[in-house]
Amino acid sequence: MRFRFLKDPESSIAGSNPNELLDNLGGPACILFSGKDPTRTRAVVTLLHGNEPSGFFALHRWLHAGHEPAVNLLFIAASVHAALEPPCFSHRMLPRARDLNRCFSPPFDDEQGRLAQEILELLRVHHPEAVVDMHNTSGSGPSFGVCTHLDRQHDALVSIFTRRLVVSQLNLGALMDISDTSCPTVTIEVGGRLDDDAHELAYEGLQRYALAERVLAPADETDWGIEILRDPIRLELREGVTLAYDEAPRPGHDITLRVDIEHHNFGEVSSDTPLGWVKDDPQSLFKAIDAFGRCAVNALVRCENGVLFPSCSLKLFMITTNAGIAESDCLFYAVAADI
């Protein structure tokens, strides 16, 4: 078993700061806090990416606060080894390792896959009534939730943390893909990994989630006042395409995106908003697949005299200005602005 299991640990394990808690855990850890109602359990998963610390910071504060949760609280901290790699909380994953949040579907035939499989087994054994998978966005931006299908239970869970929900059926092997009626599972992106507001939201949301008598919706509750964005499309780079972020086209790179592009996170961008510069036709540089499996590059971006523009009014989110993440994952997600 790769996970160290702890039940109701002393607050001293937290140390004086989150780095000391990392050291004291030493590796992947599963911590069970006993609740007032021991017949029910809720789960929080965090640190699937070692450079997304807000959920782990919330765990550190929770340990020091000494709260008794309303029901059993299962806290899973996954990529502790990656987070420990100096400087702490700067590595998404260890070198040559797969993205752990793409490993929750078979085959589980490498180290990351086996780690994901153990997380699934921990959740199966403890059978939580709900799972919150807490993340940071790779760029600075507002909070939002993500789920695979829309119903009042997912709405209710997301509303504990944020009022913005993305409904995605991309099936990328993320933890939220396991969601079903017996265990609603949502991803919560609390905001940028370096943003104090994101750390505060993670802790405040954790308290609401852990201390409330009920987090799932009663039968007569249907409207949670959430903005809903459906079926986003990922804009990805083709193999071998080079990317930079700058205030002008970067010599020697196929694509240069504006250095301030992350300011468009969850804002509406019109078809005349310059996103950057490209050296070739967008079809040869980007990949994008819509919900029907069709190429959607032309539906998202266009080129005019070497300048990259949206093809129509869009809402963009999960924009990153980290070229490594853009190359290994995607540049951003997009939905039509009128959805």
Protein backbone atom coordinates (compact mmCIF):
# COMPACT_ATOMS: atom_id res chain seq x y z
CA MET A 1 0.00 0.00 0.00
CA ARG A 2 1.44 3.36 -1.02
CA PHE A 3 -0.77 5.33 1.35
CA ARG A 4 -0.03 5.90 5.01
CA PHE A 5 -3.27 5.69 7.01
CA LEU A 6 -3.83 7.94 10.03
CA LYS A 7 -6.90 8.18 12.24
CA ASP A 8 -7.58 11.28 14.34
CA PRO A 9 -3.91 12.34 14.42
CA GLU A 10 -2.61 14.81 16.99
CA SER A 11 -2.38 18.38 15.73
CA SER A 12 1.39 18.23 16.27
CA ILE A 13 1.73 16.27 13.03
CA ALA A 14 0.86 19.49 11.18
CA GLY A 15 3.99 21.26 12.40
CA SER A 16 4.21 25.01 12.25
CA ASN A 17 3.67 25.26 8.48
CA PRO A 18 2.45 23.13 5.53
CA ASN A 19 6.03 22.22 4.56
CA GLU A 20 6.50 20.56 7.94
CA LEU A 21 3.24 18.66 7.46
CA LEU A 22 4.56 17.43 4.10
CA ASP A 23 7.75 16.24 5.78
CA ASN A 24 5.83 14.53 8.58
CA LEU A 25 3.59 12.67 6.16
CA GLY A 26 6.55 11.68 4.00
CA GLY A 27 4.41 10.29 1.19
CA PRO A 28 0.80 9.72 0.12
CA ALA A 29 -1.49 9.83 3.14
CA CYS A 30 -5.09 9.05 4.01
CA ILE A 31 -6.34 10.73 7.19
CA LEU A 32 -9.67 9.86 8.81
CA PHE A 33 -11.24 12.37 11.20
CA SER A 34 -14.03 10.85 13.28
CA GLY A 35 -17.35 12.67 13.01
CA LYS A 36 -20.27 13.29 15.34
CA ASP A 37 -22.23 10.90 13.11
CA PRO A 38 -19.86 7.95 12.55
CA THR A 39 -22.30 6.20 10.21
CA ARG A 40 -21.58 8.61 7.34
CA THR A 41 -18.39 9.75 5.63
CA ARG A 42 -17.40 12.56 3.27
CA ALA A 43 -14.13 12.65 1.39
CA VAL A 44 -11.72 15.35 0.28
CA VAL A 45 -8.96 14.56 -2.19
CA THR A 46 -6.17 17.05 -2.64
CA LEU A 47 -2.65 17.37 -3.99
CA LEU A 48 -3.31 15.20 -7.04
CA HIS A 49 -0.93 17.78 -8.50
CA GLY A 50 2.04 18.61 -6.30
CA ASN A 51 2.00 22.30 -7.26
CA GLU A 52 -1.64 22.92 -6.30
CA PRO A 53 -1.39 23.51 -2.56
CA SER A 54 -4.61 25.23 -1.43
CA GLY A 55 -6.36 22.02 -0.38
CA PHE A 56 -3.29 20.89 1.53
CA PHE A 57 -3.00 24.29 3.21
CA ALA A 58 -6.64 23.85 4.25
CA LEU A 59 -5.77 20.45 5.76
CA HIS A 60 -2.94 22.07 7.73
CA ARG A 61 -5.31 24.68 9.15
CA TRP A 62 -7.96 22.03 9.87
CA LEU A 63 -5.47 19.99 11.91
CA HIS A 64 -4.59 23.00 14.03
CA ALA A 65 -8.23 24.07 14.49
CA GLY A 66 -9.22 20.75 16.04
CA HIS A 67 -12.78 20.79 14.70
CA GLU A 68 -15.01 17.73 15.01
CA PRO A 69 -16.68 17.17 11.62
CA ALA A 70 -20.41 16.49 11.38
CA VAL A 71 -19.68 13.09 9.80
CA ASN A 72 -16.45 11.16 9.30
CA LEU A 73 -14.06 13.16 7.11
CA LEU A 74 -11.65 11.22 4.90
CA PHE A 75 -8.77 13.39 3.68
CA ILE A 76 -6.56 11.98 0.92
CA ALA A 77 -3.29 13.78 0.09
CA ALA A 78 -1.84 12.14 -2.99
CA SER A 79 1.23 13.62 -4.70
CA VAL A 80 3.19 14.33 -1.53
CA HIS A 81 6.46 13.18 -3.12
CA ALA A 82 6.02 15.67 -5.99
CA ALA A 83 5.09 18.44 -3.54
CA LEU A 84 8.21 17.70 -1.48
CA GLU A 85 10.53 18.07 -4.48
CA PRO A 86 12.42 21.36 -3.90
CA PRO A 87 11.18 23.99 -3.92
CA CYS A 88 8.08 22.63 -2.19
CA PHE A 89 4.74 22.85 -4.01
CA SER A 90 6.35 23.76 -7.35
CA HIS A 91 6.22 20.44 -9.26
CA ARG A 92 2.97 19.23 -10.82
CA MET A 93 4.35 15.70 -10.91
CA LEU A 94 7.76 14.05 -10.70
CA PRO A 95 9.88 13.93 -13.87
CA ARG A 96 8.57 11.47 -16.50
CA ALA A 97 5.50 10.67 -14.39
CA ARG A 98 1.99 10.81 -15.86
CA ASP A 99 -0.52 13.40 -14.71
CA LEU A 100 -2.21 11.63 -11.78
CA ASN A 101 -5.56 13.25 -12.59
CA ARG A 102 -5.53 11.43 -15.93
CA CYS A 103 -4.96 8.00 -14.35
CA PHE A 104 -8.35 7.08 -12.82
CA SER A 105 -9.34 4.74 -15.63
CA PRO A 106 -7.55 1.53 -16.69
CA PRO A 107 -4.90 0.45 -17.36
CA PHE A 108 -3.30 1.01 -13.95
CA ASP A 109 0.04 -0.31 -15.12
CA ASP A 110 2.54 2.32 -13.96
CA GLU A 111 3.32 4.00 -10.64
CA GLN A 112 0.79 6.82 -11.15
CA GLY A 113 -1.86 4.36 -12.28
CA ARG A 114 -1.36 2.21 -9.21
CA LEU A 115 -1.54 5.31 -7.00
CA ALA A 116 -4.85 6.26 -8.63
CA GLN A 117 -6.11 2.70 -8.19
CA GLU A 118 -5.34 2.86 -4.46
CA ILE A 119 -7.25 6.14 -4.16
CA LEU A 120 -10.24 4.46 -5.79
CA GLU A 121 -9.92 1.54 -3.39
CA LEU A 122 -9.77 3.86 -0.36
CA LEU A 123 -12.95 5.54 -1.55
CA ARG A 124 -14.62 2.17 -2.15
CA VAL A 125 -13.75 0.92 1.34
CA HIS A 126 -14.95 4.07 3.13
CA HIS A 127 -17.95 4.59 0.84
CA PRO A 128 -18.31 8.38 1.23
CA GLU A 129 -21.62 10.07 0.51
CA ALA A 130 -19.75 12.74 -1.48
CA VAL A 131 -16.23 13.44 -2.77
CA VAL A 132 -14.63 16.85 -3.33
CA ASP A 133 -11.43 16.85 -5.38
CA MET A 134 -9.73 20.19 -4.63
CA HIS A 135 -7.41 21.84 -7.15
CA ASN A 136 -5.79 25.13 -8.06
CA THR A 137 -5.88 26.61 -11.53
CA SER A 138 -2.49 26.81 -13.24
CA GLY A 139 -3.02 30.53 -13.89
CA SER A 140 -4.63 33.19 -11.77
CA GLY A 141 -8.41 33.26 -12.05
CA PRO A 142 -11.73 32.92 -10.25
CA SER A 143 -13.01 29.73 -8.62
CA PHE A 144 -15.31 27.22 -10.29
CA GLY A 145 -16.52 23.65 -10.00
CA VAL A 146 -16.50 20.88 -12.58
CA CYS A 147 -18.71 17.80 -12.81
CA THR A 148 -19.57 15.22 -15.45
CA HIS A 149 -23.33 15.57 -15.37
CA LEU A 150 -25.81 18.07 -14.03
CA ASP A 151 -28.19 17.32 -11.18
CA ARG A 152 -29.17 18.91 -7.89
CA GLN A 153 -26.60 16.89 -5.89
CA HIS A 154 -23.65 18.11 -7.93
CA ASP A 155 -25.10 21.63 -7.85
CA ALA A 156 -25.38 21.47 -4.06
CA LEU A 157 -21.79 20.28 -3.59
CA VAL A 158 -20.33 22.91 -5.89
CA SER A 159 -22.37 25.69 -4.25
CA ILE A 160 -20.52 25.08 -0.97
CA PHE A 161 -17.40 26.51 -2.62
CA THR A 162 -18.36 28.60 -5.65
CA ARG A 163 -21.23 29.84 -7.83
CA ARG A 164 -19.77 28.77 -11.18
CA LEU A 165 -20.05 25.24 -12.60
CA VAL A 166 -18.58 23.67 -15.73
CA VAL A 167 -20.32 20.51 -16.93
CA SER A 168 -17.87 18.41 -18.93
CA GLN A 169 -18.14 14.92 -20.39
CA LEU A 170 -14.61 14.80 -21.81
CA ASN A 171 -13.74 11.60 -19.83
CA LEU A 172 -10.04 12.36 -19.49
CA GLY A 173 -9.42 9.85 -16.70
CA ALA A 174 -9.99 12.44 -13.95
CA LEU A 175 -11.21 11.47 -10.48
CA MET A 176 -14.56 13.20 -11.08
CA ASP A 177 -15.25 10.70 -13.88
CA ILE A 178 -16.18 8.11 -11.20
CA SER A 179 -19.16 10.20 -10.07
CA ASP A 180 -22.49 8.41 -9.77
CA THR A 181 -25.74 8.77 -7.84
CA SER A 182 -24.38 6.86 -4.83
CA CYS A 183 -21.33 9.11 -4.52
CA PRO A 184 -21.50 12.51 -6.26
CA THR A 185 -17.95 13.64 -7.05
CA VAL A 186 -16.95 17.15 -8.07
CA THR A 187 -13.75 18.97 -8.87
CA ILE A 188 -13.34 22.34 -7.18
CA GLU A 189 -10.84 24.77 -8.67
CA VAL A 190 -10.42 27.30 -5.89
CA GLY A 191 -8.30 29.74 -7.92
CA GLY A 192 -4.66 30.36 -8.68
CA ARG A 193 -2.02 28.34 -6.85
CA LEU A 194 -0.26 31.48 -5.63
CA ASP A 195 -3.41 33.41 -4.68
CA ASP A 196 -4.18 34.00 -1.00
CA ASP A 197 -7.87 34.23 -1.88
CA ALA A 198 -7.72 30.68 -3.23
CA HIS A 199 -6.15 29.38 -0.02
CA GLU A 200 -8.82 31.14 2.04
CA LEU A 201 -11.64 29.79 -0.13
CA ALA A 202 -10.27 26.26 0.21
CA TYR A 203 -10.33 26.46 4.01
CA GLU A 204 -13.67 28.24 4.28
CA GLY A 205 -15.23 25.78 1.85
CA LEU A 206 -13.71 22.84 3.73
CA GLN A 207 -15.28 24.05 6.96
CA ARG A 208 -18.71 24.39 5.34
CA TYR A 209 -18.36 20.95 3.74
CA ALA A 210 -17.12 19.20 6.89
CA LEU A 211 -19.25 20.88 9.54
CA ALA A 212 -22.66 20.95 7.83
CA GLU A 213 -25.23 18.36 8.81
CA ARG A 214 -26.23 18.04 5.15
CA VAL A 215 -24.26 18.78 1.97
CA LEU A 216 -26.46 16.96 -0.54
CA ALA A 217 -29.67 18.53 -1.77
CA PRO A 218 -33.08 17.77 -0.27
CA ALA A 219 -35.66 16.51 -2.74
CA ASP A 220 -37.45 19.85 -3.06
CA GLU A 221 -34.32 21.99 -3.67
CA THR A 222 -33.43 22.57 -7.31
CA ASP A 223 -32.05 26.10 -7.75
CA TRP A 224 -28.64 26.90 -6.29
CA GLY A 225 -28.06 30.12 -8.23
CA ILE A 226 -25.07 28.73 -10.11
CA GLU A 227 -23.78 29.93 -13.49
CA ILE A 228 -23.53 26.82 -15.68
CA LEU A 229 -21.14 26.36 -18.62
CA ARG A 230 -21.69 23.21 -20.66
CA ASP A 231 -19.48 21.01 -22.84
CA PRO A 232 -16.22 22.96 -22.95
CA ILE A 233 -13.69 22.29 -25.69
CA ARG A 234 -9.98 21.97 -24.92
CA LEU A 235 -7.51 23.79 -27.17
CA GLU A 236 -4.32 21.72 -27.27
CA LEU A 237 -0.98 21.90 -29.06
CA ARG A 238 -0.05 19.47 -31.79
CA GLU A 239 3.06 17.36 -31.25
CA GLY A 240 6.29 19.28 -31.70
CA VAL A 241 4.70 22.74 -31.77
CA THR A 242 6.68 25.34 -29.81
CA LEU A 243 4.99 27.84 -27.52
CA ALA A 244 6.01 31.01 -25.70
CA TYR A 245 4.29 33.82 -23.81
CA ASP A 246 5.38 37.36 -24.59
CA GLU A 247 4.25 40.87 -25.55
CA ALA A 248 5.27 40.33 -29.19
CA PRO A 249 5.98 37.32 -31.43
CA ARG A 250 8.89 35.33 -29.92
CA PRO A 251 11.51 34.41 -32.55
CA GLY A 252 11.91 30.67 -33.09
CA HIS A 253 8.46 29.75 -31.72
CA ASP A 254 5.40 28.58 -33.64
CA ILE A 255 2.96 30.24 -31.25
CA THR A 256 3.34 33.22 -28.94
CA LEU A 257 0.42 33.90 -26.65
CA ARG A 258 -0.04 37.25 -24.97
CA VAL A 259 1.65 37.33 -21.58
CA ASP A 260 -1.56 38.71 -20.02
CA ILE A 261 -3.89 36.14 -21.61
CA GLU A 262 -4.89 34.68 -18.22
CA HIS A 263 -6.72 37.95 -17.48
CA HIS A 264 -9.44 36.58 -19.78
CA ASN A 265 -10.23 33.70 -17.39
CA PHE A 266 -14.05 33.46 -17.30
CA GLY A 267 -14.37 36.74 -19.12
CA GLU A 268 -16.02 37.01 -22.53
CA VAL A 269 -13.61 37.51 -25.42
CA SER A 270 -14.99 38.88 -28.70
CA SER A 271 -13.85 37.77 -32.14
CA ASP A 272 -11.62 40.85 -32.43
CA THR A 273 -9.68 40.19 -29.19
CA PRO A 274 -6.03 39.37 -30.03
CA LEU A 275 -4.82 36.28 -28.17
CA GLY A 276 -1.32 36.10 -29.60
CA TRP A 277 0.61 35.36 -32.78
CA VAL A 278 1.06 32.25 -34.93
CA LYS A 279 3.45 31.30 -37.72
CA ASP A 280 1.13 28.93 -39.56
CA ASP A 281 -2.50 27.98 -40.08
CA PRO A 282 -4.16 27.18 -36.71
CA GLN A 283 -5.23 23.75 -37.97
CA SER A 284 -1.57 22.74 -38.26
CA LEU A 285 -0.69 24.01 -34.78
CA PHE A 286 -3.68 23.20 -32.56
CA LYS A 287 -5.95 20.28 -31.71
CA ALA A 288 -9.54 20.62 -30.47
CA ILE A 289 -12.35 18.05 -30.45
CA ASP A 290 -15.98 18.89 -29.72
CA ALA A 291 -18.55 16.75 -27.88
CA PHE A 292 -19.37 14.93 -31.14
CA GLY A 293 -15.75 13.99 -31.86
CA ARG A 294 -15.32 16.57 -34.62
CA CYS A 295 -12.34 18.85 -35.12
CA ALA A 296 -13.22 22.20 -33.55
CA VAL A 297 -10.07 24.27 -34.10
CA ASN A 298 -11.74 26.56 -36.64
CA ALA A 299 -14.71 27.00 -34.29
CA LEU A 300 -12.39 28.36 -31.61
CA VAL A 301 -9.58 30.35 -33.24
CA ARG A 302 -8.64 32.03 -36.50
CA CYS A 303 -5.55 33.75 -37.88
CA GLU A 304 -5.45 37.15 -39.54
CA ASN A 305 -2.06 38.46 -40.76
CA GLY A 306 -0.28 36.27 -38.23
CA VAL A 307 -2.43 37.40 -35.28
CA LEU A 308 -4.52 34.81 -33.41
CA PHE A 309 -8.14 35.73 -32.64
CA PRO A 310 -11.19 33.86 -31.31
CA SER A 311 -13.44 32.69 -34.16
CA CYS A 312 -16.49 33.98 -32.30
CA SER A 313 -17.35 35.36 -28.87
CA LEU A 314 -16.10 32.84 -26.32
CA LYS A 315 -15.78 32.33 -22.61
CA LEU A 316 -12.32 31.01 -21.79
CA PHE A 317 -11.19 29.38 -18.58
CA MET A 318 -8.33 27.31 -17.16
CA ILE A 319 -6.01 29.55 -19.17
CA THR A 320 -2.40 28.89 -18.25
CA THR A 321 0.73 30.94 -18.82
CA ASN A 322 2.90 27.94 -17.94
CA ALA A 323 4.24 26.60 -21.23
CA GLY A 324 5.03 23.19 -19.71
CA ILE A 325 1.43 22.69 -18.57
CA ALA A 326 0.10 24.03 -21.88
CA GLU A 327 2.25 21.52 -23.77
CA SER A 328 1.38 18.52 -21.57
CA ASP A 329 -2.29 19.34 -20.98
CA CYS A 330 -3.99 22.22 -22.82
CA LEU A 331 -3.84 25.97 -23.37
CA PHE A 332 -7.39 26.65 -22.22
CA TYR A 333 -11.00 25.49 -22.27
CA ALA A 334 -13.67 27.37 -24.17
CA VAL A 335 -17.45 27.56 -24.56
CA ALA A 336 -19.53 29.79 -26.77
CA ALA A 337 -20.28 33.02 -24.90
CA ASP A 338 -24.04 32.76 -25.43
CA ILE A 339 -24.35 29.38 -23.72
